[in-house]
Amino acid sequence: MATIYDIAKKSGFAPATVSKALNNYPGVNEESRNKILAVAKEMGFQPNSAARALRTSKSYSIGVVLGLDGKVGVNQLLLMNILNSFQDYVEKKGYDIILLTKTKTKQGTYTYFDHINKRHVDGILVFGNYYKEEIKELLSLSIPIVGFDYIGTKINGVTSDSYDKYFTLTEKLIELGHNNIVFFYGEQNIITEERIKGFKDALEKHSISFNESSIIETNYYDIETNHKATLEVLKRENPPTAILYPDDYSSLGGFTAIEQLGLSIPDDVSIAGFDGIEICRNTFPPLTTVKQDTFSIGLQLAKDLLKQIAGNNEMKNIKVVKSELIITSSISKPKVRV
């Protein structure tokens, strides 16, 4: 059966526009709507009856889009904690959640749009990289929607104070005497840019020159790439005295790389992460980190989405939830090198 993406490709319209036309949403002119409907009919597209009823009935179900790189598991404990908080609240209000993922079948890829078109969900929670086209297109749907770590004007978003905490964490290292700090950052997205800016601004405030070798792209929630990057920077002629990892889970690659090189934390190199997941409270030493308030984030996402479902279509806004800087013995004054 033809999918929304198939119709979009053949008709020349964006998937979001096709979805609006097929579901009779506003925002599509009559000429474009007729062209899309003609292509859909030609391709034998059969719109789902539940999807057609999206605007007139309630299913008491919420779709959760996991637009993530790789599989969801122990590496993404942060997101699972947020989702647990979100789920607890909406279930108390009588809602169920449905996970919406891209799947591959013999007929082709079953997209987020196809899932949403098939399932009668009252709203959507998005986890993902908002720079990706498949996620960007979701933001144009005429359906209640909220996003974790979204910063923009298209939908409501809830995020942590990434800029402030990366600035503060970097400044803390500088105050300890570090001036050769390397920051490993994850895939390019809105939040990554905020964190890099916080890092750079702290260096600038303390008159420490920034160069491109001070930031290294790795991956979020990825031990392997961060292990490899740690080995590489610590083998430099002038290795860093401190390393900031993109998240706590990724720092585990740093722990093993530093041990592999016969170095110790924090005597030879100070390290810190971000998220505050439980597993890194039990490392040796425990990891300096920024603990995100996953309960409050999940609760705020749930409240915002249910308000929209109830018809409160207020101006789009971004809510910032304060996080907590946790200093441990994984950072200290840098050792004098001779």
Protein backbone atom coordinates (compact mmCIF):
# COMPACT_ATOMS: atom_id res chain seq x y z
CA MET A 1 0.00 0.00 0.00
CA ALA A 2 1.22 3.50 -0.84
CA THR A 3 2.48 5.61 2.07
CA ILE A 4 2.39 9.35 2.67
CA TYR A 5 6.06 9.52 1.67
CA ASP A 6 5.28 7.75 -1.63
CA ILE A 7 2.55 10.27 -2.39
CA ALA A 8 4.84 13.16 -1.38
CA LYS A 9 7.58 11.94 -3.71
CA LYS A 10 5.27 11.55 -6.69
CA SER A 11 3.26 14.73 -6.13
CA GLY A 12 6.24 16.95 -5.30
CA PHE A 13 4.78 18.15 -1.99
CA ALA A 14 6.29 17.82 1.47
CA PRO A 15 5.03 14.88 3.57
CA ALA A 16 3.56 17.32 6.10
CA THR A 17 1.51 18.99 3.34
CA VAL A 18 0.35 15.61 2.07
CA SER A 19 -0.72 14.58 5.57
CA LYS A 20 -2.70 17.81 6.01
CA ALA A 21 -4.44 17.34 2.65
CA LEU A 22 -5.33 13.70 3.29
CA ASN A 23 -6.68 14.47 6.76
CA ASN A 24 -8.53 17.60 5.61
CA TYR A 25 -6.49 19.86 7.88
CA PRO A 26 -6.29 23.62 7.22
CA GLY A 27 -3.18 25.18 5.71
CA VAL A 28 -3.37 23.64 2.21
CA ASN A 29 -4.90 25.56 -0.68
CA GLU A 30 -7.63 23.91 -2.75
CA GLU A 31 -5.49 23.43 -5.87
CA SER A 32 -2.70 21.68 -3.95
CA ARG A 33 -5.20 19.57 -2.01
CA ASN A 34 -6.85 18.37 -5.20
CA LYS A 35 -3.50 17.46 -6.78
CA ILE A 36 -2.50 15.47 -3.72
CA LEU A 37 -5.85 13.68 -3.53
CA ALA A 38 -5.61 12.80 -7.23
CA VAL A 39 -2.15 11.29 -6.78
CA ALA A 40 -3.33 9.41 -3.67
CA LYS A 41 -6.28 7.97 -5.60
CA GLU A 42 -4.03 7.02 -8.52
CA MET A 43 -1.66 5.17 -6.15
CA GLY A 44 -4.50 3.36 -4.40
CA PHE A 45 -4.00 5.07 -1.05
CA GLN A 46 -6.63 4.18 1.53
CA PRO A 47 -6.73 6.68 4.42
CA ASN A 48 -7.33 5.13 7.80
CA SER A 49 -10.76 5.84 9.22
CA ALA A 50 -9.37 6.51 12.69
CA ALA A 51 -6.93 9.04 11.28
CA ARG A 52 -9.77 10.83 9.49
CA ALA A 53 -11.51 11.15 12.84
CA LEU A 54 -8.54 12.80 14.56
CA ARG A 55 -10.20 16.20 14.77
CA THR A 56 -13.64 15.02 15.84
CA SER A 57 -13.10 12.31 18.47
CA LYS A 58 -10.73 11.25 21.21
CA SER A 59 -8.91 7.96 21.55
CA TYR A 60 -7.26 8.70 24.90
CA SER A 61 -3.96 7.58 23.41
CA ILE A 62 -0.74 9.56 22.92
CA GLY A 63 1.94 8.76 20.37
CA VAL A 64 5.58 8.91 21.42
CA VAL A 65 8.01 9.45 18.54
CA LEU A 66 11.46 8.04 19.28
CA GLY A 67 13.41 9.70 16.49
CA LEU A 68 16.72 8.51 17.87
CA ASP A 69 19.92 7.19 16.35
CA GLY A 70 20.35 3.55 17.31
CA LYS A 71 18.23 1.41 19.60
CA VAL A 72 16.64 2.55 22.82
CA GLY A 73 18.12 0.80 25.83
CA VAL A 74 20.39 1.23 28.81
CA ASN A 75 22.37 3.85 26.86
CA GLN A 76 19.36 6.17 26.96
CA LEU A 77 18.34 5.92 30.60
CA LEU A 78 17.76 9.68 30.69
CA LEU A 79 15.02 9.49 28.07
CA MET A 80 13.45 6.45 29.69
CA ASN A 81 13.29 8.28 33.04
CA ILE A 82 11.60 11.26 31.36
CA LEU A 83 9.17 8.96 29.59
CA ASN A 84 8.33 7.17 32.85
CA SER A 85 7.43 10.49 34.49
CA PHE A 86 5.39 11.49 31.43
CA GLN A 87 3.58 8.16 31.33
CA ASP A 88 2.74 8.18 35.05
CA TYR A 89 0.98 11.54 34.71
CA VAL A 90 -0.99 10.89 31.51
CA GLU A 91 -2.09 7.43 32.67
CA LYS A 92 -3.58 9.02 35.80
CA LYS A 93 -5.58 11.21 33.42
CA GLY A 94 -6.84 8.15 31.54
CA TYR A 95 -4.43 8.13 28.59
CA ASP A 96 -2.33 5.30 27.15
CA ILE A 97 0.91 5.81 25.22
CA ILE A 98 1.88 4.22 21.91
CA LEU A 99 5.49 4.14 20.71
CA LEU A 100 5.81 5.38 17.13
CA THR A 101 9.00 4.30 15.38
CA LYS A 102 10.14 3.90 11.80
CA THR A 103 9.97 0.28 10.72
CA LYS A 104 11.05 -1.51 7.56
CA THR A 105 8.79 -4.02 5.85
CA LYS A 106 8.89 -5.85 2.54
CA GLN A 107 6.74 -3.04 1.15
CA GLY A 108 9.21 -0.34 2.24
CA THR A 109 9.76 1.95 5.21
CA TYR A 110 6.81 2.55 7.51
CA THR A 111 7.31 6.17 8.54
CA TYR A 112 6.21 8.29 11.50
CA PHE A 113 3.56 9.81 9.25
CA ASP A 114 2.25 6.37 8.37
CA HIS A 115 1.99 5.44 12.06
CA ILE A 116 0.22 8.70 12.91
CA ASN A 117 -2.09 8.32 9.91
CA LYS A 118 -3.01 4.78 10.97
CA ARG A 119 -3.36 5.24 14.73
CA HIS A 120 -5.93 7.52 16.27
CA VAL A 121 -3.69 9.42 18.70
CA ASP A 122 -4.82 12.60 20.42
CA GLY A 123 -1.33 14.10 20.63
CA ILE A 124 2.37 13.44 20.15
CA LEU A 125 5.50 13.60 22.33
CA VAL A 126 8.72 13.85 20.32
CA PHE A 127 12.23 12.76 21.26
CA GLY A 128 14.68 13.35 18.43
CA ASN A 129 17.05 15.51 16.43
CA TYR A 130 14.99 18.46 15.23
CA TYR A 131 17.47 19.12 12.42
CA LYS A 132 16.41 15.90 10.68
CA GLU A 133 13.86 16.37 7.91
CA GLU A 134 11.65 13.51 9.11
CA ILE A 135 11.36 15.18 12.53
CA LYS A 136 11.06 18.73 11.17
CA GLU A 137 8.11 17.66 9.05
CA LEU A 138 6.25 16.34 12.10
CA LEU A 139 6.29 19.81 13.62
CA SER A 140 3.96 21.07 10.88
CA LEU A 141 1.15 18.63 11.67
CA SER A 142 -2.11 20.08 12.93
CA ILE A 143 -2.20 17.95 16.05
CA PRO A 144 -1.19 18.67 19.67
CA ILE A 145 2.55 18.09 19.98
CA VAL A 146 5.38 18.72 22.47
CA GLY A 147 9.10 18.03 22.19
CA PHE A 148 11.86 17.26 24.65
CA ASP A 149 14.94 19.44 24.10
CA TYR A 150 13.08 21.47 21.47
CA ILE A 151 13.96 25.16 21.20
CA GLY A 152 12.01 27.06 18.56
CA THR A 153 8.62 28.53 17.66
CA LYS A 154 6.70 25.71 15.94
CA ILE A 155 5.72 23.60 18.97
CA ASN A 156 5.89 23.68 22.75
CA GLY A 157 9.15 22.36 24.15
CA VAL A 158 10.70 21.46 27.49
CA THR A 159 14.46 21.43 28.00
CA SER A 160 17.17 21.78 30.65
CA ASP A 161 19.40 24.81 31.14
CA SER A 162 22.21 23.33 28.99
CA TYR A 163 23.95 26.61 28.19
CA ASP A 164 24.10 27.78 31.81
CA LYS A 165 25.33 24.48 33.17
CA TYR A 166 28.04 23.95 30.53
CA PHE A 167 29.21 27.51 31.19
CA THR A 168 29.27 26.87 34.96
CA LEU A 169 30.94 23.46 34.65
CA THR A 170 33.65 24.83 32.34
CA GLU A 171 34.18 27.78 34.65
CA LYS A 172 34.56 25.43 37.63
CA LEU A 173 37.36 23.58 35.83
CA ILE A 174 39.05 26.88 34.95
CA GLU A 175 38.87 27.99 38.58
CA LEU A 176 40.63 24.76 39.56
CA GLY A 177 43.47 25.75 37.23
CA HIS A 178 42.59 23.96 33.97
CA ASN A 179 43.24 25.87 30.75
CA ASN A 180 43.59 22.89 28.40
CA ILE A 181 40.06 21.50 28.34
CA VAL A 182 38.58 19.36 25.57
CA PHE A 183 34.84 19.11 25.02
CA PHE A 184 33.40 16.04 23.27
CA TYR A 185 30.04 16.92 21.75
CA GLY A 186 27.31 14.75 20.24
CA GLU A 187 25.50 15.01 16.93
CA GLN A 188 24.68 18.50 15.72
CA ASN A 189 21.35 19.73 17.02
CA ILE A 190 19.89 22.70 18.88
CA ILE A 191 21.01 21.51 22.31
CA THR A 192 24.52 20.67 21.11
CA GLU A 193 24.88 24.24 19.86
CA GLU A 194 23.75 25.59 23.25
CA ARG A 195 26.33 23.47 25.06
CA ILE A 196 29.18 24.41 22.74
CA LYS A 197 28.30 28.08 23.18
CA GLY A 198 28.35 27.72 26.98
CA PHE A 199 31.79 26.08 26.78
CA LYS A 200 33.21 28.75 24.45
CA ASP A 201 31.77 31.67 26.42
CA ALA A 202 33.32 30.40 29.67
CA LEU A 203 36.72 30.18 27.98
CA GLU A 204 36.31 33.69 26.58
CA LYS A 205 35.28 35.11 29.96
CA HIS A 206 38.56 33.86 31.45
CA SER A 207 40.67 34.94 28.44
CA ILE A 208 41.50 31.36 27.42
CA SER A 209 41.95 31.13 23.67
CA PHE A 210 39.67 28.71 21.85
CA ASN A 211 40.83 26.55 18.96
CA GLU A 212 39.01 23.90 16.98
CA SER A 213 41.03 21.09 18.58
CA SER A 214 39.27 21.96 21.85
CA ILE A 215 35.99 20.47 20.61
CA ILE A 216 35.69 16.97 19.17
CA GLU A 217 32.56 15.51 17.61
CA THR A 218 31.67 12.06 18.93
CA ASN A 219 28.16 10.67 19.49
CA TYR A 220 25.62 10.91 22.26
CA TYR A 221 25.06 7.72 24.29
CA ASP A 222 27.99 5.99 22.59
CA ILE A 223 30.82 4.38 24.58
CA GLU A 224 32.87 3.33 21.56
CA THR A 225 33.30 6.71 19.82
CA ASN A 226 34.08 8.44 23.11
CA HIS A 227 36.59 5.73 24.06
CA LYS A 228 38.37 6.22 20.76
CA ALA A 229 38.33 10.03 21.04
CA THR A 230 39.71 9.84 24.60
CA LEU A 231 42.64 7.71 23.47
CA GLU A 232 43.39 10.12 20.64
CA VAL A 233 43.38 13.34 22.67
CA LEU A 234 45.38 11.88 25.55
CA LYS A 235 48.11 10.79 23.12
CA ARG A 236 48.60 14.37 21.92
CA GLU A 237 51.95 16.05 22.53
CA ASN A 238 50.09 18.44 24.84
CA PRO A 239 47.14 16.37 26.14
CA PRO A 240 44.18 18.01 27.88
CA THR A 241 44.03 18.12 31.66
CA ALA A 242 40.22 17.90 31.60
CA ILE A 243 37.62 16.31 29.30
CA LEU A 244 33.90 17.06 29.13
CA TYR A 245 31.79 14.20 27.73
CA PRO A 246 28.48 14.67 25.87
CA ASP A 247 26.62 12.60 28.47
CA ASP A 248 27.26 10.32 31.43
CA TYR A 249 26.85 7.05 29.54
CA SER A 250 29.43 8.09 26.94
CA SER A 251 31.91 8.89 29.71
CA LEU A 252 32.19 5.17 30.43
CA GLY A 253 34.28 4.99 27.28
CA GLY A 254 36.53 7.61 28.82
CA PHE A 255 36.95 5.66 32.05
CA THR A 256 38.15 2.57 30.19
CA ALA A 257 40.43 4.54 27.82
CA ILE A 258 42.12 6.39 30.70
CA GLU A 259 42.70 3.13 32.56
CA GLN A 260 44.00 1.54 29.35
CA LEU A 261 46.64 4.27 29.08
CA GLY A 262 47.74 3.69 32.66
CA LEU A 263 46.44 7.08 33.77
CA SER A 264 44.24 7.93 36.73
CA ILE A 265 41.23 10.16 37.39
CA PRO A 266 41.57 12.96 38.49
CA ASP A 267 45.36 12.92 39.06
CA ASP A 268 46.20 12.79 35.35
CA VAL A 269 42.97 14.01 33.82
CA SER A 270 39.70 15.39 35.23
CA ILE A 271 36.46 14.27 33.59
CA ALA A 272 32.79 15.27 33.72
CA GLY A 273 29.55 14.26 32.02
CA PHE A 274 25.95 15.42 31.70
CA ASP A 275 22.56 13.90 32.70
CA GLY A 276 23.11 12.50 36.20
CA ILE A 277 22.14 8.89 35.45
CA GLU A 278 22.42 6.43 38.33
CA ILE A 279 25.03 4.17 36.74
CA CYS A 280 27.69 6.90 36.97
CA ARG A 281 27.18 7.37 40.69
CA ASN A 282 28.84 3.97 41.05
CA THR A 283 31.94 4.54 38.93
CA PHE A 284 35.31 5.04 40.59
CA PRO A 285 35.54 7.86 41.16
CA PRO A 286 31.87 8.90 40.91
CA LEU A 287 31.37 11.18 37.91
CA THR A 288 31.07 14.95 38.12
CA THR A 289 27.92 15.71 36.17
CA VAL A 290 24.91 17.90 35.54
CA LYS A 291 21.84 16.09 36.83
CA GLN A 292 18.76 16.75 34.72
CA ASP A 293 15.45 16.81 36.59
CA THR A 294 13.80 14.02 34.59
CA PHE A 295 10.71 13.91 36.80
CA SER A 296 9.93 17.61 36.29
CA ILE A 297 10.74 17.46 32.58
CA GLY A 298 8.38 14.51 32.01
CA LEU A 299 5.66 16.10 34.13
CA GLN A 300 5.89 19.43 32.27
CA LEU A 301 5.78 17.71 28.88
CA ALA A 302 2.67 15.79 29.96
CA LYS A 303 0.88 18.85 31.34
CA ASP A 304 1.65 20.92 28.23
CA LEU A 305 0.40 18.21 25.88
CA LEU A 306 -2.81 17.54 27.79
CA LYS A 307 -3.55 21.28 27.86
CA GLN A 308 -3.32 21.33 24.06
CA ILE A 309 -5.51 18.24 23.73
CA ALA A 310 -8.09 19.99 25.92
CA GLY A 311 -8.15 22.88 23.44
CA ASN A 312 -5.82 25.34 25.17
CA ASN A 313 -3.86 26.41 22.09
CA GLU A 314 -1.78 29.13 23.70
CA MET A 315 1.19 30.73 22.00
CA LYS A 316 4.04 28.26 21.53
CA ASN A 317 6.54 28.45 24.36
CA ILE A 318 9.68 26.79 25.67
CA LYS A 319 9.96 25.86 29.33
CA VAL A 320 13.42 25.48 30.86
CA VAL A 321 13.78 23.12 33.81
CA LYS A 322 16.71 23.82 36.10
CA SER A 323 19.33 21.10 36.46
CA GLU A 324 21.86 20.51 39.25
CA LEU A 325 25.66 20.62 39.00
CA ILE A 326 27.12 17.75 41.03
CA ILE A 327 30.83 18.06 41.79
CA THR A 328 32.67 14.86 42.76
CA SER A 329 36.24 13.64 43.02
CA SER A 330 36.43 13.05 39.26
CA ILE A 331 37.75 16.62 38.93
CA SER A 332 40.58 18.33 40.81
CA LYS A 333 43.44 20.76 40.28
CA PRO A 334 45.59 19.75 37.31
CA LYS A 335 48.88 18.07 38.05
CA VAL A 336 51.98 20.13 37.29
CA ARG A 337 53.58 18.68 34.16
CA VAL A 338 57.33 18.78 33.67
